[in-house]
PDB file of N, CA and C in Angstrom:
ATOM      1  N   MET A   1     104.318 -26.884 141.259  1.00  0.00           N
ATOM      2  CA  MET A   1     104.853 -26.562 142.572  1.00  0.00           C
ATOM      3  C   MET A   1     105.706 -27.720 143.067  1.00  0.00           C
ATOM      4  N   THR A   2     106.892 -27.395 143.466  1.00  0.00           N
ATOM      5  CA  THR A   2     107.789 -28.395 144.008  1.00  0.00           C
ATOM      6  C   THR A   2     107.626 -28.427 145.520  1.00  0.00           C
ATOM      7  N   ASN A   3     107.589 -29.613 146.062  1.00  0.00           N
ATOM      8  CA  ASN A   3     107.471 -29.719 147.515  1.00  0.00           C
ATOM      9  C   ASN A   3     108.668 -29.085 148.200  1.00  0.00           C
ATOM     10  N   LEU A   4     108.394 -28.501 149.335  1.00  0.00           N
ATOM     11  CA  LEU A   4     109.420 -27.919 150.190  1.00  0.00           C
ATOM     12  C   LEU A   4     110.180 -26.767 149.550  1.00  0.00           C
ATOM     13  N   THR A   5     109.532 -26.042 148.682  1.00  0.00           N
ATOM     14  CA  THR A   5     110.115 -24.820 148.181  1.00  0.00           C
ATOM     15  C   THR A   5     109.243 -23.681 148.671  1.00  0.00           C
ATOM     16  N   ILE A   6     109.738 -22.481 148.515  1.00  0.00           N
ATOM     17  CA  ILE A   6     108.932 -21.320 148.845  1.00  0.00           C
ATOM     18  C   ILE A   6     108.878 -20.412 147.628  1.00  0.00           C
ATOM     19  N   PRO A   7     107.862 -19.574 147.553  1.00  0.00           N
ATOM     20  CA  PRO A   7     107.696 -18.708 146.383  1.00  0.00           C
ATOM     21  C   PRO A   7     108.861 -17.730 146.224  1.00  0.00           C
ATOM     22  N   PRO A   8     109.099 -17.274 145.005  1.00  0.00           N
ATOM     23  CA  PRO A   8     110.179 -16.306 144.769  1.00  0.00           C
ATOM     24  C   PRO A   8     109.975 -15.030 145.587  1.00  0.00           C
ATOM     25  N   LYS A   9     111.076 -14.433 145.993  1.00  0.00           N
ATOM     26  CA  LYS A   9     111.029 -13.219 146.801  1.00  0.00           C
ATOM     27  C   LYS A   9     110.386 -12.058 146.046  1.00  0.00           C
ATOM     28  N   SER A  10     110.333 -12.157 144.741  1.00  0.00           N
ATOM     29  CA  SER A  10     109.770 -11.080 143.920  1.00  0.00           C
ATOM     30  C   SER A  10     108.239 -11.021 143.968  1.00  0.00           C
ATOM     31  N   ARG A  11     107.610 -12.057 144.514  1.00  0.00           N
ATOM     32  CA  ARG A  11     106.145 -12.082 144.566  1.00  0.00           C
ATOM     33  C   ARG A  11     105.611 -10.992 145.504  1.00  0.00           C
ATOM     34  N   PRO A  12     104.547 -10.297 145.105  1.00  0.00           N
ATOM     35  CA  PRO A  12     104.013  -9.202 145.930  1.00  0.00           C
ATOM     36  C   PRO A  12     103.405  -9.666 147.251  1.00  0.00           C
ATOM     37  N   GLU A  13     103.066 -10.944 147.341  1.00  0.00           N
ATOM     38  CA  GLU A  13     102.455 -11.458 148.568  1.00  0.00           C
ATOM     39  C   GLU A  13     103.382 -11.325 149.783  1.00  0.00           C
ATOM     40  N   TRP A  14     104.689 -11.363 149.562  1.00  0.00           N
ATOM     41  CA  TRP A  14     105.628 -11.208 150.681  1.00  0.00           C
ATOM     42  C   TRP A  14     105.376  -9.881 151.393  1.00  0.00           C
ATOM     43  N   ALA A  15     105.350  -8.796 150.620  1.00  0.00           N
ATOM     44  CA  ALA A  15     105.123  -7.468 151.217  1.00  0.00           C
ATOM     45  C   ALA A  15     103.730  -7.388 151.819  1.00  0.00           C
ATOM     46  N   LYS A  16     102.756  -8.005 151.163  1.00  0.00           N
ATOM     47  CA  LYS A  16     101.380  -7.958 151.661  1.00  0.00           C
ATOM     48  C   LYS A  16     101.239  -8.725 152.976  1.00  0.00           C
ATOM     49  N   MET A  17     101.996  -9.801 153.138  1.00  0.00           N
ATOM     50  CA  MET A  17     101.990 -10.533 154.410  1.00  0.00           C
ATOM     51  C   MET A  17     102.544  -9.642 155.517  1.00  0.00           C
ATOM     52  N   ILE A  18     103.620  -8.945 155.203  1.00  0.00           N
ATOM     53  CA  ILE A  18     104.291  -8.124 156.209  1.00  0.00           C
ATOM     54  C   ILE A  18     103.480  -6.880 156.555  1.00  0.00           C
ATOM     55  N   ASN A  19     102.901  -6.226 155.543  1.00  0.00           N
ATOM     56  CA  ASN A  19     102.174  -4.986 155.856  1.00  0.00           C
ATOM     57  C   ASN A  19     100.736  -5.241 156.311  1.00  0.00           C
ATOM     58  N   GLY A  20     100.327  -6.517 156.338  1.00  0.00           N
ATOM     59  CA  GLY A  20      99.008  -6.857 156.867  1.00  0.00           C
ATOM     60  C   GLY A  20      97.878  -6.775 155.856  1.00  0.00           C
ATOM     61  N   THR A  21      98.207  -6.537 154.581  1.00  0.00           N
ATOM     62  CA  THR A  21      97.190  -6.472 153.531  1.00  0.00           C
ATOM     63  C   THR A  21      96.507  -7.828 153.352  1.00  0.00           C
ATOM     64  N   ILE A  22      97.304  -8.883 153.449  1.00  0.00           N
ATOM     65  CA  ILE A  22      96.745 -10.235 153.358  1.00  0.00           C
ATOM     66  C   ILE A  22      96.290 -10.646 154.753  1.00  0.00           C
ATOM     67  N   VAL A  23      94.998 -10.873 154.889  1.00  0.00           N
ATOM     68  CA  VAL A  23      94.456 -11.340 156.164  1.00  0.00           C
ATOM     69  C   VAL A  23      94.415 -12.864 156.084  1.00  0.00           C
ATOM     70  N   HIS A  24      95.167 -13.495 156.950  1.00  0.00           N
ATOM     71  CA  HIS A  24      95.302 -14.948 156.890  1.00  0.00           C
ATOM     72  C   HIS A  24      95.349 -15.506 158.309  1.00  0.00           C
ATOM     73  N   ASP A  25      94.675 -16.610 158.519  1.00  0.00           N
ATOM     74  CA  ASP A  25      94.710 -17.307 159.799  1.00  0.00           C
ATOM     75  C   ASP A  25      95.893 -18.263 159.767  1.00  0.00           C
ATOM     76  N   TYR A  26      97.033 -17.789 160.254  1.00  0.00           N
ATOM     77  CA  TYR A  26      98.278 -18.562 160.158  1.00  0.00           C
ATOM     78  C   TYR A  26      98.210 -19.864 160.942  1.00  0.00           C
ATOM     79  N   LYS A  27      98.732 -20.914 160.342  1.00  0.00           N
ATOM     80  CA  LYS A  27      98.866 -22.208 161.003  1.00  0.00           C
ATOM     81  C   LYS A  27     100.198 -22.252 161.755  1.00  0.00           C
ATOM     82  N   ASN A  28     101.211 -21.578 161.191  1.00  0.00           N
ATOM     83  CA  ASN A  28     102.542 -21.568 161.781  1.00  0.00           C
ATOM     84  C   ASN A  28     102.665 -20.360 162.707  1.00  0.00           C
ATOM     85  N   TYR A  29     102.811 -20.631 163.985  1.00  0.00           N
ATOM     86  CA  TYR A  29     102.849 -19.565 164.986  1.00  0.00           C
ATOM     87  C   TYR A  29     104.052 -18.636 164.802  1.00  0.00           C
ATOM     88  N   VAL A  30     105.195 -19.194 164.484  1.00  0.00           N
ATOM     89  CA  VAL A  30     106.405 -18.385 164.312  1.00  0.00           C
ATOM     90  C   VAL A  30     106.225 -17.418 163.133  1.00  0.00           C
ATOM     91  N   LEU A  31     105.663 -17.912 162.052  1.00  0.00           N
ATOM     92  CA  LEU A  31     105.401 -17.059 160.892  1.00  0.00           C
ATOM     93  C   LEU A  31     104.436 -15.937 161.271  1.00  0.00           C
ATOM     94  N   GLN A  32     103.422 -16.266 162.019  1.00  0.00           N
ATOM     95  CA  GLN A  32     102.447 -15.272 162.457  1.00  0.00           C
ATOM     96  C   GLN A  32     103.102 -14.199 163.331  1.00  0.00           C
ATOM     97  N   THR A  33     103.861 -14.614 164.320  1.00  0.00           N
ATOM     98  CA  THR A  33     104.469 -13.649 165.234  1.00  0.00           C
ATOM     99  C   THR A  33     105.546 -12.819 164.549  1.00  0.00           C
ATOM    100  N   ARG A  34     106.294 -13.428 163.635  1.00  0.00           N
ATOM    101  CA  ARG A  34     107.342 -12.677 162.920  1.00  0.00           C
ATOM    102  C   ARG A  34     106.728 -11.592 162.041  1.00  0.00           C
ATOM    103  N   THR A  35     105.672 -11.922 161.306  1.00  0.00           N
ATOM    104  CA  THR A  35     105.067 -10.918 160.432  1.00  0.00           C
ATOM    105  C   THR A  35     104.473  -9.786 161.267  1.00  0.00           C
ATOM    106  N   TYR A  36     103.871 -10.113 162.394  1.00  0.00           N
ATOM    107  CA  TYR A  36     103.310  -9.083 163.272  1.00  0.00           C
ATOM    108  C   TYR A  36     104.417  -8.183 163.822  1.00  0.00           C
ATOM    109  N   GLN A  37     105.508  -8.797 164.266  1.00  0.00           N
ATOM    110  CA  GLN A  37     106.634  -8.021 164.803  1.00  0.00           C
ATOM    111  C   GLN A  37     107.232  -7.123 163.724  1.00  0.00           C
ATOM    112  N   MET A  38     107.316  -7.634 162.506  1.00  0.00           N
ATOM    113  CA  MET A  38     107.846  -6.831 161.399  1.00  0.00           C
ATOM    114  C   MET A  38     106.947  -5.628 161.113  1.00  0.00           C
ATOM    115  N   GLN A  39     105.643  -5.813 161.206  1.00  0.00           N
ATOM    116  CA  GLN A  39     104.712  -4.691 161.022  1.00  0.00           C
ATOM    117  C   GLN A  39     105.015  -3.598 162.043  1.00  0.00           C
ATOM    118  N   LYS A  40     105.232  -4.001 163.295  1.00  0.00           N
ATOM    119  CA  LYS A  40     105.535  -3.039 164.348  1.00  0.00           C
ATOM    120  C   LYS A  40     106.892  -2.369 164.110  1.00  0.00           C
ATOM    121  N   ASP A  41     107.879  -3.150 163.692  1.00  0.00           N
ATOM    122  CA  ASP A  41     109.222  -2.606 163.454  1.00  0.00           C
ATOM    123  C   ASP A  41     109.232  -1.613 162.290  1.00  0.00           C
ATOM    124  N   ILE A  42     108.462  -1.894 161.258  1.00  0.00           N
ATOM    125  CA  ILE A  42     108.371  -0.982 160.111  1.00  0.00           C
ATOM    126  C   ILE A  42     107.659   0.305 160.539  1.00  0.00           C
ATOM    127  N   ALA A  43     106.577   0.158 161.281  1.00  0.00           N
ATOM    128  CA  ALA A  43     105.816   1.322 161.737  1.00  0.00           C
ATOM    129  C   ALA A  43     106.666   2.237 162.621  1.00  0.00           C
ATOM    130  N   SER A  44     107.546   1.651 163.417  1.00  0.00           N
ATOM    131  CA  SER A  44     108.387   2.452 164.309  1.00  0.00           C
ATOM    132  C   SER A  44     109.668   2.924 163.626  1.00  0.00           C
ATOM    133  N   GLY A  45     109.883   2.495 162.373  1.00  0.00           N
ATOM    134  CA  GLY A  45     111.063   2.936 161.632  1.00  0.00           C
ATOM    135  C   GLY A  45     112.325   2.142 161.905  1.00  0.00           C
ATOM    136  N   LYS A  46     112.209   1.023 162.638  1.00  0.00           N
ATOM    137  CA  LYS A  46     113.395   0.205 162.936  1.00  0.00           C
ATOM    138  C   LYS A  46     113.944  -0.475 161.685  1.00  0.00           C
ATOM    139  N   ILE A  47     113.036  -0.931 160.814  1.00  0.00           N
ATOM    140  CA  ILE A  47     113.458  -1.587 159.568  1.00  0.00           C
ATOM    141  C   ILE A  47     112.596  -1.095 158.418  1.00  0.00           C
ATOM    142  N   LYS A  48     113.089  -1.313 157.218  1.00  0.00           N
ATOM    143  CA  LYS A  48     112.340  -0.970 156.008  1.00  0.00           C
ATOM    144  C   LYS A  48     111.691  -2.250 155.467  1.00  0.00           C
ATOM    145  N   ILE A  49     110.670  -2.080 154.640  1.00  0.00           N
ATOM    146  CA  ILE A  49     109.926  -3.231 154.101  1.00  0.00           C
ATOM    147  C   ILE A  49     110.851  -4.193 153.360  1.00  0.00           C
ATOM    148  N   GLU A  50     111.816  -3.673 152.610  1.00  0.00           N
ATOM    149  CA  GLU A  50     112.734  -4.542 151.851  1.00  0.00           C
ATOM    150  C   GLU A  50     113.534  -5.440 152.781  1.00  0.00           C
ATOM    151  N   GLN A  51     113.991  -4.868 153.881  1.00  0.00           N
ATOM    152  CA  GLN A  51     114.749  -5.653 154.861  1.00  0.00           C
ATOM    153  C   GLN A  51     113.857  -6.706 155.510  1.00  0.00           C
ATOM    154  N   ALA A  52     112.622  -6.337 155.796  1.00  0.00           N
ATOM    155  CA  ALA A  52     111.676  -7.283 156.391  1.00  0.00           C
ATOM    156  C   ALA A  52     111.408  -8.446 155.442  1.00  0.00           C
ATOM    157  N   ILE A  53     111.236  -8.144 154.150  1.00  0.00           N
ATOM    158  CA  ILE A  53     111.014  -9.202 153.157  1.00  0.00           C
ATOM    159  C   ILE A  53     112.215 -10.139 153.120  1.00  0.00           C
ATOM    160  N   ASP A  54     113.423  -9.571 153.098  1.00  0.00           N
ATOM    161  CA  ASP A  54     114.643 -10.392 153.093  1.00  0.00           C
ATOM    162  C   ASP A  54     114.689 -11.315 154.300  1.00  0.00           C
ATOM    163  N   GLU A  55     114.399 -10.758 155.475  1.00  0.00           N
ATOM    164  CA  GLU A  55     114.451 -11.559 156.708  1.00  0.00           C
ATOM    165  C   GLU A  55     113.387 -12.649 156.726  1.00  0.00           C
ATOM    166  N   LEU A  56     112.183 -12.304 156.305  1.00  0.00           N
ATOM    167  CA  LEU A  56     111.103 -13.289 156.296  1.00  0.00           C
ATOM    168  C   LEU A  56     111.383 -14.386 155.276  1.00  0.00           C
ATOM    169  N   TYR A  57     111.886 -14.001 154.114  1.00  0.00           N
ATOM    170  CA  TYR A  57     112.221 -14.972 153.070  1.00  0.00           C
ATOM    171  C   TYR A  57     113.296 -15.943 153.577  1.00  0.00           C
ATOM    172  N   GLU A  58     114.304 -15.393 154.242  1.00  0.00           N
ATOM    173  CA  GLU A  58     115.384 -16.222 154.775  1.00  0.00           C
ATOM    174  C   GLU A  58     114.856 -17.206 155.818  1.00  0.00           C
ATOM    175  N   LEU A  59     114.014 -16.709 156.717  1.00  0.00           N
ATOM    176  CA  LEU A  59     113.414 -17.556 157.752  1.00  0.00           C
ATOM    177  C   LEU A  59     112.593 -18.679 157.113  1.00  0.00           C
ATOM    178  N   CYS A  60     111.774 -18.325 156.138  1.00  0.00           N
ATOM    179  CA  CYS A  60     110.907 -19.314 155.499  1.00  0.00           C
ATOM    180  C   CYS A  60     111.690 -20.303 154.647  1.00  0.00           C
ATOM    181  N   SER A  61     112.810 -19.858 154.080  1.00  0.00           N
ATOM    182  CA  SER A  61     113.674 -20.770 153.326  1.00  0.00           C
ATOM    183  C   SER A  61     114.230 -21.846 154.248  1.00  0.00           C
ATOM    184  N   LYS A  62     114.625 -21.420 155.422  1.00  0.00           N
ATOM    185  CA  LYS A  62     115.226 -22.331 156.393  1.00  0.00           C
ATOM    186  C   LYS A  62     114.208 -23.345 156.912  1.00  0.00           C
ATOM    187  N   TYR A  63     112.957 -22.895 157.065  1.00  0.00           N
ATOM    188  CA  TYR A  63     111.910 -23.751 157.626  1.00  0.00           C
ATOM    189  C   TYR A  63     110.778 -23.965 156.630  1.00  0.00           C
ATOM    190  N   SER A  64     111.149 -24.251 155.397  1.00  0.00           N
ATOM    191  CA  SER A  64     110.154 -24.345 154.319  1.00  0.00           C
ATOM    192  C   SER A  64     109.078 -25.395 154.584  1.00  0.00           C
ATOM    193  N   LEU A  65     109.427 -26.496 155.219  1.00  0.00           N
ATOM    194  CA  LEU A  65     108.435 -27.530 155.516  1.00  0.00           C
ATOM    195  C   LEU A  65     107.351 -26.986 156.443  1.00  0.00           C
ATOM    196  N   ALA A  66     107.761 -26.209 157.426  1.00  0.00           N
ATOM    197  CA  ALA A  66     106.828 -25.704 158.435  1.00  0.00           C
ATOM    198  C   ALA A  66     105.840 -24.670 157.894  1.00  0.00           C
ATOM    199  N   VAL A  67     106.182 -24.006 156.793  1.00  0.00           N
ATOM    200  CA  VAL A  67     105.312 -22.937 156.273  1.00  0.00           C
ATOM    201  C   VAL A  67     104.495 -23.358 155.049  1.00  0.00           C
ATOM    202  N   GLN A  68     104.610 -24.599 154.636  1.00  0.00           N
ATOM    203  CA  GLN A  68     103.936 -25.045 153.406  1.00  0.00           C
ATOM    204  C   GLN A  68     102.428 -24.815 153.424  1.00  0.00           C
ATOM    205  N   LYS A  69     101.759 -25.187 154.508  1.00  0.00           N
ATOM    206  CA  LYS A  69     100.295 -25.051 154.552  1.00  0.00           C
ATOM    207  C   LYS A  69      99.867 -23.597 154.404  1.00  0.00           C
ATOM    208  N   ASP A  70     100.542 -22.705 155.118  1.00  0.00           N
ATOM    209  CA  ASP A  70     100.220 -21.278 155.012  1.00  0.00           C
ATOM    210  C   ASP A  70     100.489 -20.770 153.596  1.00  0.00           C
ATOM    211  N   PHE A  71     101.618 -21.147 153.045  1.00  0.00           N
ATOM    212  CA  PHE A  71     101.994 -20.631 151.727  1.00  0.00           C
ATOM    213  C   PHE A  71     101.083 -21.152 150.618  1.00  0.00           C
ATOM    214  N   GLN A  72     100.590 -22.381 150.769  1.00  0.00           N
ATOM    215  CA  GLN A  72      99.648 -22.896 149.765  1.00  0.00           C
ATOM    216  C   GLN A  72      98.374 -22.084 149.750  1.00  0.00           C
ATOM    217  N   GLN A  73      97.964 -21.559 150.898  1.00  0.00           N
ATOM    218  CA  GLN A  73      96.762 -20.729 150.956  1.00  0.00           C
ATOM    219  C   GLN A  73      97.052 -19.295 150.514  1.00  0.00           C
ATOM    220  N   ILE A  74      98.196 -18.755 150.905  1.00  0.00           N
ATOM    221  CA  ILE A  74      98.519 -17.365 150.599  1.00  0.00           C
ATOM    222  C   ILE A  74      98.953 -17.193 149.142  1.00  0.00           C
ATOM    223  N   PHE A  75      99.888 -18.021 148.702  1.00  0.00           N
ATOM    224  CA  PHE A  75     100.466 -17.866 147.354  1.00  0.00           C
ATOM    225  C   PHE A  75      99.786 -18.730 146.294  1.00  0.00           C
ATOM    226  N   LYS A  76      99.022 -19.726 146.723  1.00  0.00           N
ATOM    227  CA  LYS A  76      98.324 -20.678 145.832  1.00  0.00           C
ATOM    228  C   LYS A  76      99.318 -21.562 145.068  1.00  0.00           C
ATOM    229  N   THR A  77     100.017 -20.990 144.097  1.00  0.00           N
ATOM    230  CA  THR A  77     101.006 -21.767 143.318  1.00  0.00           C
ATOM    231  C   THR A  77     102.264 -20.937 143.146  1.00  0.00           C
ATOM    232  N   TRP A  78     103.354 -21.622 142.892  1.00  0.00           N
ATOM    233  CA  TRP A  78     104.606 -20.934 142.572  1.00  0.00           C
ATOM    234  C   TRP A  78     105.530 -21.868 141.848  1.00  0.00           C
TER     235      TRP A  78
END
């Protein structure tokens, strides 16, 4: 694992974070609120899961330092 990187977008955990399958006590508040909002947006039909994954991946790429602790618990290694 390289410091300050995030897991590949192809990993299934991305979708599981968004659809709520992965139950995790988020350390990063923005990550927590974004995934929750995406769940609501998908349920209401505003966005599709693929678009949500793209948006979340982009956000986490930009702030990779801030999400490291959560990602080490969710993804373990990458």
